[in-house]
Amino acid sequence: MTTDIINYDFKAGLPQEFEIVDIATLYKEFKDTLTTIHRTGFYHIIWFQNGTPAHLVDFNPINIKPNTILFLNKDTVQRFDNKTKFGGKAILFTDSFFCKTETDTKFLRSTILFNDLFSVSQIQIQESKLFTNLLQLMTDELQNSKDDSKSDILQNLLHNFLLYSERERRKQDFTKIKKSSDLDYVILFKDLLEKSYKNQKQVNYYAKQIIITEKRLNQATTKVLGKTPKEIIDNRILLEAKRILAHTNESVKEISFKLGFEEPTNFIKYFKKHSSTTPIEFREKHSLA
C-alpha cells in the first residue's frame, strides 16, 4: 500500500501545456509510476491502439478493446495495467491550454467526453482514418518551431478531435440528456461541488452560490441524475474517502480532518451510514498491499 495517492502536475518547461506521448515509450521510462495509483491535474485522451488491458479508474476496471479511446477528466484517480501488453498514444492537456475563451471553457465543462454524468466516456473506433489524420496533424504541428499561431492551431485541432469524438460517442452506448436549464444547473452544481465538497456539505450553500432555491436544485438533479443534491454531495465525499482509505496509509483521524469533519467519530458514523461498513473494514477489504 502506498503512503499517498501520487499527484502529478503538467510537465514544466513545455512551450504549451499540451503533449502527445507514445504509451510504449512512456512505459519504458515510467512504468512504475503509471502502474501505481495516481492522479493528475490535467486531462487525458488515451487511445489504446492495440492490446486488451484493464485500465483502473477509481475502483472500476475498464476492460479495453483495441482501438478504444478513453477520456479522463483532470484529477481522476487511475492506474494503468501492469500485466497486459498494449500500445497507443495519449493526448495530455490542461485547462489553461484549451480554455482561451469563455466558449472554450463552457465546452470543456459540459462535453460528455469529460463530464458523462453516468460513466467514464470511451469510444470504439471502427474507421480510424479521421482520428489518425487529426492525431498526425497535431503531432506534426508540435514539431514546428514556436510562433504566434502554434498554440491556436493545436487548440483548434484538439477541439476538432473532441467534436468528432463526441459525435462518435453519441452513436455508441450513450444515455442522452436533453439540453435544458436542469442540465445547466446540474453542471454548475457539480463543478462547484468539486471545488468545495471538503468544506461545504450543505445543499443550501450550493443553491445560494448558483442563485436558486434548494427546491429548484433538487428538481434539477432528480430529473437529470435521479439523485437529490444531498445524495450527490455524500457520494462525492465517500468517493474521496474511499480513494484515500484504499490507496494511502493516512489514519482515519487524518482523513476525517482532510474531508472537513470536526471529529473522527463523526466521520466514522458518516462513512458507516452511507456505505454499511466502517472505514477500517473498507480499508482491509480494498487496500492494495
C-alpha atoms as a PDB file:
ATOM      1  CA  MET A   1       0.000   0.000   0.000  1.00  0.00           C
ATOM      2  CA  THR A   2       1.371   3.426  -0.890  1.00  0.00           C
ATOM      3  CA  THR A   3       1.870   6.257   1.575  1.00  0.00           C
ATOM      4  CA  ASP A   4      -0.297   8.574  -0.509  1.00  0.00           C
ATOM      5  CA  ILE A   5      -2.109   8.907  -3.821  1.00  0.00           C
ATOM      6  CA  ILE A   6       0.585  10.380  -6.026  1.00  0.00           C
ATOM      7  CA  ASN A   7      -0.452  13.660  -7.650  1.00  0.00           C
ATOM      8  CA  TYR A   8       1.166  14.903 -10.852  1.00  0.00           C
ATOM      9  CA  ASP A   9       1.070  18.349 -12.429  1.00  0.00           C
ATOM     10  CA  PHE A  10       1.771  19.012 -16.073  1.00  0.00           C
ATOM     11  CA  LYS A  11       5.388  18.720 -17.212  1.00  0.00           C
ATOM     12  CA  ALA A  12       7.203  22.015 -16.722  1.00  0.00           C
ATOM     13  CA  GLY A  13       9.154  23.747 -19.470  1.00  0.00           C
ATOM     14  CA  LEU A  14       6.979  22.898 -22.488  1.00  0.00           C
ATOM     15  CA  PRO A  15       6.064  25.725 -24.905  1.00  0.00           C
ATOM     16  CA  GLN A  16       2.386  24.969 -24.198  1.00  0.00           C
ATOM     17  CA  GLU A  17       0.573  22.688 -21.776  1.00  0.00           C
ATOM     18  CA  PHE A  18      -0.252  20.178 -24.488  1.00  0.00           C
ATOM     19  CA  GLU A  19       1.593  16.959 -25.248  1.00  0.00           C
ATOM     20  CA  ILE A  20       1.204  13.766 -27.283  1.00  0.00           C
ATOM     21  CA  VAL A  21       3.068  10.774 -25.894  1.00  0.00           C
ATOM     22  CA  ASP A  22       3.628   7.236 -27.085  1.00  0.00           C
ATOM     23  CA  ILE A  23       2.477   4.850 -24.374  1.00  0.00           C
ATOM     24  CA  ALA A  24       5.121   2.188 -25.098  1.00  0.00           C
ATOM     25  CA  THR A  25       7.867   4.818 -24.856  1.00  0.00           C
ATOM     26  CA  LEU A  26       6.330   6.196 -21.678  1.00  0.00           C
ATOM     27  CA  TYR A  27       6.224   2.714 -20.154  1.00  0.00           C
ATOM     28  CA  LYS A  28       9.944   2.201 -20.705  1.00  0.00           C
ATOM     29  CA  GLU A  29      10.716   5.194 -18.528  1.00  0.00           C
ATOM     30  CA  PHE A  30       7.773   5.493 -16.138  1.00  0.00           C
ATOM     31  CA  LYS A  31       6.153   2.042 -15.835  1.00  0.00           C
ATOM     32  CA  ASP A  32       6.297   2.040 -12.026  1.00  0.00           C
ATOM     33  CA  THR A  33       4.620   5.424 -11.935  1.00  0.00           C
ATOM     34  CA  LEU A  34       1.904   4.551 -14.440  1.00  0.00           C
ATOM     35  CA  THR A  35       1.033   1.237 -12.802  1.00  0.00           C
ATOM     36  CA  THR A  36       0.711   2.822  -9.359  1.00  0.00           C
ATOM     37  CA  ILE A  37      -2.458   4.584  -8.251  1.00  0.00           C
ATOM     38  CA  HIS A  38      -2.091   8.250  -9.193  1.00  0.00           C
ATOM     39  CA  ARG A  39      -3.993  11.289 -10.325  1.00  0.00           C
ATOM     40  CA  THR A  40      -3.108  14.271 -12.448  1.00  0.00           C
ATOM     41  CA  GLY A  41      -4.208  17.870 -12.649  1.00  0.00           C
ATOM     42  CA  PHE A  42      -4.756  17.652 -16.405  1.00  0.00           C
ATOM     43  CA  TYR A  43      -6.928  15.886 -18.987  1.00  0.00           C
ATOM     44  CA  HIS A  44      -6.138  12.532 -20.637  1.00  0.00           C
ATOM     45  CA  ILE A  45      -7.256  11.215 -24.002  1.00  0.00           C
ATOM     46  CA  ILE A  46      -5.825   7.690 -24.125  1.00  0.00           C
ATOM     47  CA  TRP A  47      -6.003   5.880 -27.461  1.00  0.00           C
ATOM     48  CA  PHE A  48      -5.395   2.173 -26.866  1.00  0.00           C
ATOM     49  CA  GLN A  49      -4.480   1.176 -30.413  1.00  0.00           C
ATOM     50  CA  ASN A  50      -3.676  -2.457 -29.623  1.00  0.00           C
ATOM     51  CA  GLY A  51      -3.891  -4.874 -26.713  1.00  0.00           C
ATOM     52  CA  THR A  52      -6.649  -5.603 -24.208  1.00  0.00           C
ATOM     53  CA  PRO A  53      -5.555  -4.076 -20.891  1.00  0.00           C
ATOM     54  CA  ALA A  54      -7.731  -3.363 -17.868  1.00  0.00           C
ATOM     55  CA  HIS A  55      -7.480   0.322 -17.006  1.00  0.00           C
ATOM     56  CA  LEU A  56      -8.461   1.065 -13.407  1.00  0.00           C
ATOM     57  CA  VAL A  57     -10.435   4.266 -12.883  1.00  0.00           C
ATOM     58  CA  ASP A  58     -11.160   4.716  -9.194  1.00  0.00           C
ATOM     59  CA  PHE A  59     -12.497   1.282  -8.201  1.00  0.00           C
ATOM     60  CA  ASN A  60     -13.793   0.357 -11.637  1.00  0.00           C
ATOM     61  CA  PRO A  61     -11.661  -1.715 -14.020  1.00  0.00           C
ATOM     62  CA  ILE A  62     -12.404  -0.771 -17.618  1.00  0.00           C
ATOM     63  CA  ASN A  63     -11.738  -3.666 -19.973  1.00  0.00           C
ATOM     64  CA  ILE A  64     -10.211  -2.158 -23.076  1.00  0.00           C
ATOM     65  CA  LYS A  65     -10.518  -3.447 -26.645  1.00  0.00           C
ATOM     66  CA  PRO A  66      -8.127  -2.495 -29.459  1.00  0.00           C
ATOM     67  CA  ASN A  67      -8.847   0.959 -30.923  1.00  0.00           C
ATOM     68  CA  THR A  68     -10.588   2.261 -27.821  1.00  0.00           C
ATOM     69  CA  ILE A  69     -10.233   5.919 -26.885  1.00  0.00           C
ATOM     70  CA  LEU A  70     -10.732   6.726 -23.201  1.00  0.00           C
ATOM     71  CA  PHE A  71     -11.438  10.257 -21.942  1.00  0.00           C
ATOM     72  CA  LEU A  72     -10.415  11.075 -18.372  1.00  0.00           C
ATOM     73  CA  ASN A  73     -11.156  14.328 -16.614  1.00  0.00           C
ATOM     74  CA  LYS A  74      -8.475  16.064 -14.590  1.00  0.00           C
ATOM     75  CA  ASP A  75      -7.946  14.744 -11.036  1.00  0.00           C
ATOM     76  CA  THR A  76      -9.277  11.292 -11.948  1.00  0.00           C
ATOM     77  CA  VAL A  77      -7.606   8.529  -9.930  1.00  0.00           C
ATOM     78  CA  GLN A  78      -6.277   5.866 -12.281  1.00  0.00           C
ATOM     79  CA  ARG A  79      -3.821   3.021 -12.753  1.00  0.00           C
ATOM     80  CA  PHE A  80      -2.500   1.509 -15.974  1.00  0.00           C
ATOM     81  CA  ASP A  81      -2.350  -2.270 -16.455  1.00  0.00           C
ATOM     82  CA  ASN A  82       0.980  -3.824 -15.468  1.00  0.00           C
ATOM     83  CA  LYS A  83       0.285  -7.343 -16.783  1.00  0.00           C
ATOM     84  CA  THR A  84      -1.058  -6.953 -20.316  1.00  0.00           C
ATOM     85  CA  LYS A  85       0.947  -5.662 -23.265  1.00  0.00           C
ATOM     86  CA  PHE A  86      -0.658  -2.816 -25.163  1.00  0.00           C
ATOM     87  CA  GLY A  87       0.269   0.212 -27.217  1.00  0.00           C
ATOM     88  CA  GLY A  88      -1.140   3.531 -28.235  1.00  0.00           C
ATOM     89  CA  LYS A  89      -0.996   7.271 -27.788  1.00  0.00           C
ATOM     90  CA  ALA A  90      -2.039   9.691 -25.074  1.00  0.00           C
ATOM     91  CA  ILE A  91      -3.027  13.312 -25.581  1.00  0.00           C
ATOM     92  CA  LEU A  92      -2.469  15.388 -22.445  1.00  0.00           C
ATOM     93  CA  PHE A  93      -3.577  18.975 -21.919  1.00  0.00           C
ATOM     94  CA  THR A  94      -4.644  21.495 -19.297  1.00  0.00           C
ATOM     95  CA  ASP A  95      -7.454  23.991 -18.800  1.00  0.00           C
ATOM     96  CA  SER A  96      -5.079  26.868 -19.431  1.00  0.00           C
ATOM     97  CA  PHE A  97      -4.118  25.420 -22.825  1.00  0.00           C
ATOM     98  CA  PHE A  98      -7.631  24.741 -24.088  1.00  0.00           C
ATOM     99  CA  CYS A  99      -9.700  27.479 -22.464  1.00  0.00           C
ATOM    100  CA  LYS A 100      -8.780  30.562 -24.482  1.00  0.00           C
ATOM    101  CA  THR A 101     -12.335  31.952 -24.450  1.00  0.00           C
ATOM    102  CA  GLU A 102     -15.472  31.578 -22.330  1.00  0.00           C
ATOM    103  CA  THR A 103     -16.913  29.411 -25.109  1.00  0.00           C
ATOM    104  CA  ASP A 104     -13.936  27.037 -24.816  1.00  0.00           C
ATOM    105  CA  THR A 105     -14.423  26.829 -21.057  1.00  0.00           C
ATOM    106  CA  LYS A 106     -18.144  26.109 -21.392  1.00  0.00           C
ATOM    107  CA  PHE A 107     -17.446  23.390 -23.959  1.00  0.00           C
ATOM    108  CA  LEU A 108     -14.854  21.654 -21.782  1.00  0.00           C
ATOM    109  CA  ARG A 109     -17.071  21.862 -18.686  1.00  0.00           C
ATOM    110  CA  SER A 110     -20.092  20.420 -20.474  1.00  0.00           C
ATOM    111  CA  THR A 111     -18.801  17.972 -23.107  1.00  0.00           C
ATOM    112  CA  ILE A 112     -19.977  14.423 -22.485  1.00  0.00           C
ATOM    113  CA  LEU A 113     -16.427  13.210 -23.090  1.00  0.00           C
ATOM    114  CA  PHE A 114     -15.161  14.523 -19.759  1.00  0.00           C
ATOM    115  CA  ASN A 115     -18.468  15.071 -17.986  1.00  0.00           C
ATOM    116  CA  ASP A 116     -20.574  11.998 -18.691  1.00  0.00           C
ATOM    117  CA  LEU A 117     -22.801  12.004 -15.642  1.00  0.00           C
ATOM    118  CA  PHE A 118     -23.199   8.227 -15.641  1.00  0.00           C
ATOM    119  CA  SER A 119     -19.884   6.653 -16.656  1.00  0.00           C
ATOM    120  CA  VAL A 120     -16.330   7.157 -17.884  1.00  0.00           C
ATOM    121  CA  SER A 121     -16.518   8.117 -21.558  1.00  0.00           C
ATOM    122  CA  GLN A 122     -14.965   5.865 -24.137  1.00  0.00           C
ATOM    123  CA  ILE A 123     -15.455   5.289 -27.853  1.00  0.00           C
ATOM    124  CA  GLN A 124     -14.682   2.310 -30.036  1.00  0.00           C
ATOM    125  CA  ILE A 125     -13.136   3.369 -33.342  1.00  0.00           C
ATOM    126  CA  GLN A 126     -14.278   1.325 -36.331  1.00  0.00           C
ATOM    127  CA  GLU A 127     -12.790   3.545 -39.036  1.00  0.00           C
ATOM    128  CA  SER A 128      -9.755   5.261 -37.558  1.00  0.00           C
ATOM    129  CA  LYS A 129      -8.516   7.233 -40.588  1.00  0.00           C
ATOM    130  CA  LEU A 130     -10.127  10.503 -39.498  1.00  0.00           C
ATOM    131  CA  PHE A 131      -8.762  10.273 -35.950  1.00  0.00           C
ATOM    132  CA  THR A 132      -5.367   9.105 -37.205  1.00  0.00           C
ATOM    133  CA  ASN A 133      -5.150  12.106 -39.512  1.00  0.00           C
ATOM    134  CA  LEU A 134      -6.078  14.564 -36.769  1.00  0.00           C
ATOM    135  CA  LEU A 135      -3.556  12.997 -34.408  1.00  0.00           C
ATOM    136  CA  GLN A 136      -0.868  13.224 -37.073  1.00  0.00           C
ATOM    137  CA  LEU A 137      -1.679  16.878 -37.773  1.00  0.00           C
ATOM    138  CA  MET A 138      -1.282  17.647 -34.057  1.00  0.00           C
ATOM    139  CA  THR A 139       1.951  15.646 -33.905  1.00  0.00           C
ATOM    140  CA  ASP A 140       3.355  17.471 -36.934  1.00  0.00           C
ATOM    141  CA  GLU A 141       2.400  20.865 -35.539  1.00  0.00           C
ATOM    142  CA  LEU A 142       4.161  20.064 -32.272  1.00  0.00           C
ATOM    143  CA  GLN A 143       7.364  19.595 -34.274  1.00  0.00           C
ATOM    144  CA  ASN A 144       7.121  23.050 -35.816  1.00  0.00           C
ATOM    145  CA  SER A 145       9.013  25.982 -34.363  1.00  0.00           C
ATOM    146  CA  LYS A 146       7.055  28.070 -31.904  1.00  0.00           C
ATOM    147  CA  ASP A 147       5.310  31.110 -33.372  1.00  0.00           C
ATOM    148  CA  ASP A 148       2.222  33.201 -32.671  1.00  0.00           C
ATOM    149  CA  SER A 149      -0.075  30.678 -34.372  1.00  0.00           C
ATOM    150  CA  LYS A 150       1.174  27.358 -32.994  1.00  0.00           C
ATOM    151  CA  SER A 151      -0.856  27.229 -29.789  1.00  0.00           C
ATOM    152  CA  ASP A 152      -4.062  28.288 -31.572  1.00  0.00           C
ATOM    153  CA  ILE A 153      -3.574  25.711 -34.328  1.00  0.00           C
ATOM    154  CA  LEU A 154      -3.019  22.929 -31.784  1.00  0.00           C
ATOM    155  CA  GLN A 155      -6.053  24.013 -29.788  1.00  0.00           C
ATOM    156  CA  ASN A 156      -8.228  24.074 -32.910  1.00  0.00           C
ATOM    157  CA  LEU A 157      -7.049  20.618 -33.969  1.00  0.00           C
ATOM    158  CA  LEU A 158      -7.710  19.268 -30.471  1.00  0.00           C
ATOM    159  CA  HIS A 159     -11.154  20.883 -30.461  1.00  0.00           C
ATOM    160  CA  ASN A 160     -11.959  19.144 -33.757  1.00  0.00           C
ATOM    161  CA  PHE A 161     -10.693  15.832 -32.343  1.00  0.00           C
ATOM    162  CA  LEU A 162     -13.039  16.276 -29.368  1.00  0.00           C
ATOM    163  CA  LEU A 163     -16.006  17.269 -31.547  1.00  0.00           C
ATOM    164  CA  TYR A 164     -15.603  14.207 -33.785  1.00  0.00           C
ATOM    165  CA  SER A 165     -15.170  12.062 -30.666  1.00  0.00           C
ATOM    166  CA  GLU A 166     -18.331  13.460 -29.117  1.00  0.00           C
ATOM    167  CA  ARG A 167     -20.258  12.769 -32.305  1.00  0.00           C
ATOM    168  CA  GLU A 168     -18.998   9.180 -32.230  1.00  0.00           C
ATOM    169  CA  ARG A 169     -19.793   8.876 -28.517  1.00  0.00           C
ATOM    170  CA  ARG A 170     -23.404   9.799 -29.163  1.00  0.00           C
ATOM    171  CA  LYS A 171     -23.681   6.938 -31.663  1.00  0.00           C
ATOM    172  CA  GLN A 172     -22.424   4.390 -29.132  1.00  0.00           C
ATOM    173  CA  ASP A 173     -23.923   3.223 -25.817  1.00  0.00           C
ATOM    174  CA  PHE A 174     -24.752   6.696 -24.558  1.00  0.00           C
ATOM    175  CA  THR A 175     -27.624   7.876 -22.375  1.00  0.00           C
ATOM    176  CA  LYS A 176     -28.600  11.197 -23.900  1.00  0.00           C
ATOM    177  CA  ILE A 177     -29.596  14.060 -21.651  1.00  0.00           C
ATOM    178  CA  LYS A 178     -31.507  16.857 -23.361  1.00  0.00           C
ATOM    179  CA  LYS A 179     -30.078  20.340 -23.003  1.00  0.00           C
ATOM    180  CA  SER A 180     -32.174  22.271 -20.514  1.00  0.00           C
ATOM    181  CA  SER A 181     -31.960  24.618 -17.550  1.00  0.00           C
ATOM    182  CA  ASP A 182     -31.990  21.487 -15.350  1.00  0.00           C
ATOM    183  CA  LEU A 183     -28.822  20.227 -17.030  1.00  0.00           C
ATOM    184  CA  ASP A 184     -27.205  23.673 -16.772  1.00  0.00           C
ATOM    185  CA  TYR A 185     -27.882  23.749 -13.031  1.00  0.00           C
ATOM    186  CA  VAL A 186     -26.508  20.219 -12.582  1.00  0.00           C
ATOM    187  CA  ILE A 187     -23.288  21.146 -14.398  1.00  0.00           C
ATOM    188  CA  LEU A 188     -22.888  24.286 -12.267  1.00  0.00           C
ATOM    189  CA  PHE A 189     -23.597  22.292  -9.115  1.00  0.00           C
ATOM    190  CA  LYS A 190     -21.120  19.517  -9.907  1.00  0.00           C
ATOM    191  CA  ASP A 191     -18.415  21.994 -10.898  1.00  0.00           C
ATOM    192  CA  LEU A 192     -18.881  23.894  -7.648  1.00  0.00           C
ATOM    193  CA  LEU A 193     -19.069  20.678  -5.644  1.00  0.00           C
ATOM    194  CA  GLU A 194     -15.706  19.545  -6.975  1.00  0.00           C
ATOM    195  CA  LYS A 195     -14.122  22.685  -5.571  1.00  0.00           C
ATOM    196  CA  SER A 196     -15.932  22.806  -2.233  1.00  0.00           C
ATOM    197  CA  TYR A 197     -17.015  19.339  -1.055  1.00  0.00           C
ATOM    198  CA  LYS A 198     -14.332  19.075   1.636  1.00  0.00           C
ATOM    199  CA  ASN A 199     -15.572  22.162   3.446  1.00  0.00           C
ATOM    200  CA  GLN A 200     -19.175  22.581   2.317  1.00  0.00           C
ATOM    201  CA  LYS A 201     -21.610  19.724   2.834  1.00  0.00           C
ATOM    202  CA  GLN A 202     -24.937  21.555   2.966  1.00  0.00           C
ATOM    203  CA  VAL A 203     -27.256  21.791  -0.038  1.00  0.00           C
ATOM    204  CA  ASN A 204     -28.180  25.322   0.967  1.00  0.00           C
ATOM    205  CA  TYR A 205     -24.619  26.540   0.329  1.00  0.00           C
ATOM    206  CA  TYR A 206     -24.594  25.270  -3.267  1.00  0.00           C
ATOM    207  CA  ALA A 207     -28.086  26.566  -4.029  1.00  0.00           C
ATOM    208  CA  LYS A 208     -27.090  30.039  -2.831  1.00  0.00           C
ATOM    209  CA  GLN A 209     -23.938  30.020  -4.930  1.00  0.00           C
ATOM    210  CA  ILE A 210     -25.921  29.073  -8.041  1.00  0.00           C
ATOM    211  CA  ILE A 211     -28.589  31.630  -7.041  1.00  0.00           C
ATOM    212  CA  ILE A 212     -31.531  29.229  -6.979  1.00  0.00           C
ATOM    213  CA  THR A 213     -33.610  27.671  -4.219  1.00  0.00           C
ATOM    214  CA  GLU A 214     -32.856  24.298  -2.683  1.00  0.00           C
ATOM    215  CA  LYS A 215     -36.148  23.056  -4.090  1.00  0.00           C
ATOM    216  CA  ARG A 216     -35.146  24.110  -7.635  1.00  0.00           C
ATOM    217  CA  LEU A 217     -31.726  22.447  -7.313  1.00  0.00           C
ATOM    218  CA  ASN A 218     -33.407  19.291  -6.038  1.00  0.00           C
ATOM    219  CA  GLN A 219     -35.764  19.290  -9.039  1.00  0.00           C
ATOM    220  CA  ALA A 220     -32.814  19.630 -11.437  1.00  0.00           C
ATOM    221  CA  THR A 221     -30.609  16.872 -10.007  1.00  0.00           C
ATOM    222  CA  THR A 222     -33.523  14.499  -9.511  1.00  0.00           C
ATOM    223  CA  LYS A 223     -34.708  14.944 -13.094  1.00  0.00           C
ATOM    224  CA  VAL A 224     -31.250  14.657 -14.684  1.00  0.00           C
ATOM    225  CA  LEU A 225     -29.474  12.185 -12.412  1.00  0.00           C
ATOM    226  CA  GLY A 226     -32.225  10.566 -10.370  1.00  0.00           C
ATOM    227  CA  LYS A 227     -30.481  11.706  -7.178  1.00  0.00           C
ATOM    228  CA  THR A 228     -31.001  14.504  -4.686  1.00  0.00           C
ATOM    229  CA  PRO A 229     -28.272  17.147  -4.187  1.00  0.00           C
ATOM    230  CA  LYS A 230     -27.574  15.670  -0.746  1.00  0.00           C
ATOM    231  CA  GLU A 231     -27.030  12.217  -2.243  1.00  0.00           C
ATOM    232  CA  ILE A 232     -24.618  13.670  -4.802  1.00  0.00           C
ATOM    233  CA  ILE A 233     -22.671  15.527  -2.094  1.00  0.00           C
ATOM    234  CA  ASP A 234     -22.488  12.380   0.042  1.00  0.00           C
ATOM    235  CA  ASN A 235     -21.352  10.281  -2.943  1.00  0.00           C
ATOM    236  CA  ARG A 236     -18.521  12.702  -3.709  1.00  0.00           C
ATOM    237  CA  ILE A 237     -17.294  12.772  -0.106  1.00  0.00           C
ATOM    238  CA  LEU A 238     -17.467   8.981   0.106  1.00  0.00           C
ATOM    239  CA  LEU A 239     -15.566   8.550  -3.160  1.00  0.00           C
ATOM    240  CA  GLU A 240     -12.695  10.669  -1.865  1.00  0.00           C
ATOM    241  CA  ALA A 241     -12.743   8.880   1.490  1.00  0.00           C
ATOM    242  CA  LYS A 242     -12.590   5.502  -0.251  1.00  0.00           C
ATOM    243  CA  ARG A 243      -9.746   6.672  -2.502  1.00  0.00           C
ATOM    244  CA  ILE A 244      -7.669   7.724   0.492  1.00  0.00           C
ATOM    245  CA  LEU A 245      -8.528   4.644   2.563  1.00  0.00           C
ATOM    246  CA  ALA A 246      -7.694   2.210  -0.227  1.00  0.00           C
ATOM    247  CA  HIS A 247      -4.582   3.853  -1.584  1.00  0.00           C
ATOM    248  CA  THR A 248      -2.823   5.549   1.335  1.00  0.00           C
ATOM    249  CA  ASN A 249      -1.638   4.904   4.887  1.00  0.00           C
ATOM    250  CA  GLU A 250      -3.313   8.002   6.290  1.00  0.00           C
ATOM    251  CA  SER A 251      -5.056   7.410   9.592  1.00  0.00           C
ATOM    252  CA  VAL A 252      -8.809   7.681   9.978  1.00  0.00           C
ATOM    253  CA  LYS A 253      -8.200  10.788  12.078  1.00  0.00           C
ATOM    254  CA  GLU A 254      -6.136  12.410   9.314  1.00  0.00           C
ATOM    255  CA  ILE A 255      -8.731  11.526   6.688  1.00  0.00           C
ATOM    256  CA  SER A 256     -11.594  12.891   8.769  1.00  0.00           C
ATOM    257  CA  PHE A 257      -9.890  16.271   9.173  1.00  0.00           C
ATOM    258  CA  LYS A 258      -8.886  16.344   5.482  1.00  0.00           C
ATOM    259  CA  LEU A 259     -12.534  15.879   4.495  1.00  0.00           C
ATOM    260  CA  GLY A 260     -13.785  18.610   6.817  1.00  0.00           C
ATOM    261  CA  PHE A 261     -15.111  16.588   9.752  1.00  0.00           C
ATOM    262  CA  GLU A 262     -14.519  18.176  13.156  1.00  0.00           C
ATOM    263  CA  GLU A 263     -14.212  14.831  14.941  1.00  0.00           C
ATOM    264  CA  PRO A 264     -13.065  11.394  13.694  1.00  0.00           C
ATOM    265  CA  THR A 265     -16.111   9.811  15.338  1.00  0.00           C
ATOM    266  CA  ASN A 266     -18.387  11.936  13.135  1.00  0.00           C
ATOM    267  CA  PHE A 267     -16.552  10.730  10.037  1.00  0.00           C
ATOM    268  CA  ILE A 268     -16.760   7.073  11.140  1.00  0.00           C
ATOM    269  CA  LYS A 269     -20.519   7.364  11.738  1.00  0.00           C
ATOM    270  CA  TYR A 270     -20.989   9.159   8.412  1.00  0.00           C
ATOM    271  CA  PHE A 271     -18.985   6.575   6.491  1.00  0.00           C
ATOM    272  CA  LYS A 272     -20.798   3.624   8.072  1.00  0.00           C
ATOM    273  CA  LYS A 273     -24.203   5.221   7.498  1.00  0.00           C
ATOM    274  CA  HIS A 274     -23.564   5.626   3.774  1.00  0.00           C
ATOM    275  CA  SER A 275     -21.512   2.522   2.999  1.00  0.00           C
ATOM    276  CA  SER A 276     -22.650  -0.025   5.618  1.00  0.00           C
ATOM    277  CA  THR A 277     -19.063  -0.609   6.714  1.00  0.00           C
ATOM    278  CA  THR A 278     -16.530   1.189   8.862  1.00  0.00           C
ATOM    279  CA  PRO A 279     -13.536   2.976   7.326  1.00  0.00           C
ATOM    280  CA  ILE A 280     -11.136   0.358   8.707  1.00  0.00           C
ATOM    281  CA  GLU A 281     -13.244  -2.522   7.378  1.00  0.00           C
ATOM    282  CA  PHE A 282     -13.307  -0.857   3.965  1.00  0.00           C
ATOM    283  CA  ARG A 283      -9.520  -0.374   4.037  1.00  0.00           C
ATOM    284  CA  GLU A 284      -8.894  -4.003   4.966  1.00  0.00           C
ATOM    285  CA  LYS A 285     -11.041  -5.174   2.074  1.00  0.00           C
ATOM    286  CA  HIS A 286      -9.811  -2.773  -0.627  1.00  0.00           C
ATOM    287  CA  SER A 287      -6.295  -1.683   0.206  1.00  0.00           C
ATOM    288  CA  LEU A 288      -3.660  -2.649  -2.373  1.00  0.00           C
ATOM    289  CA  ALA A 289      -0.899  -4.356  -0.496  1.00  0.00           C
END
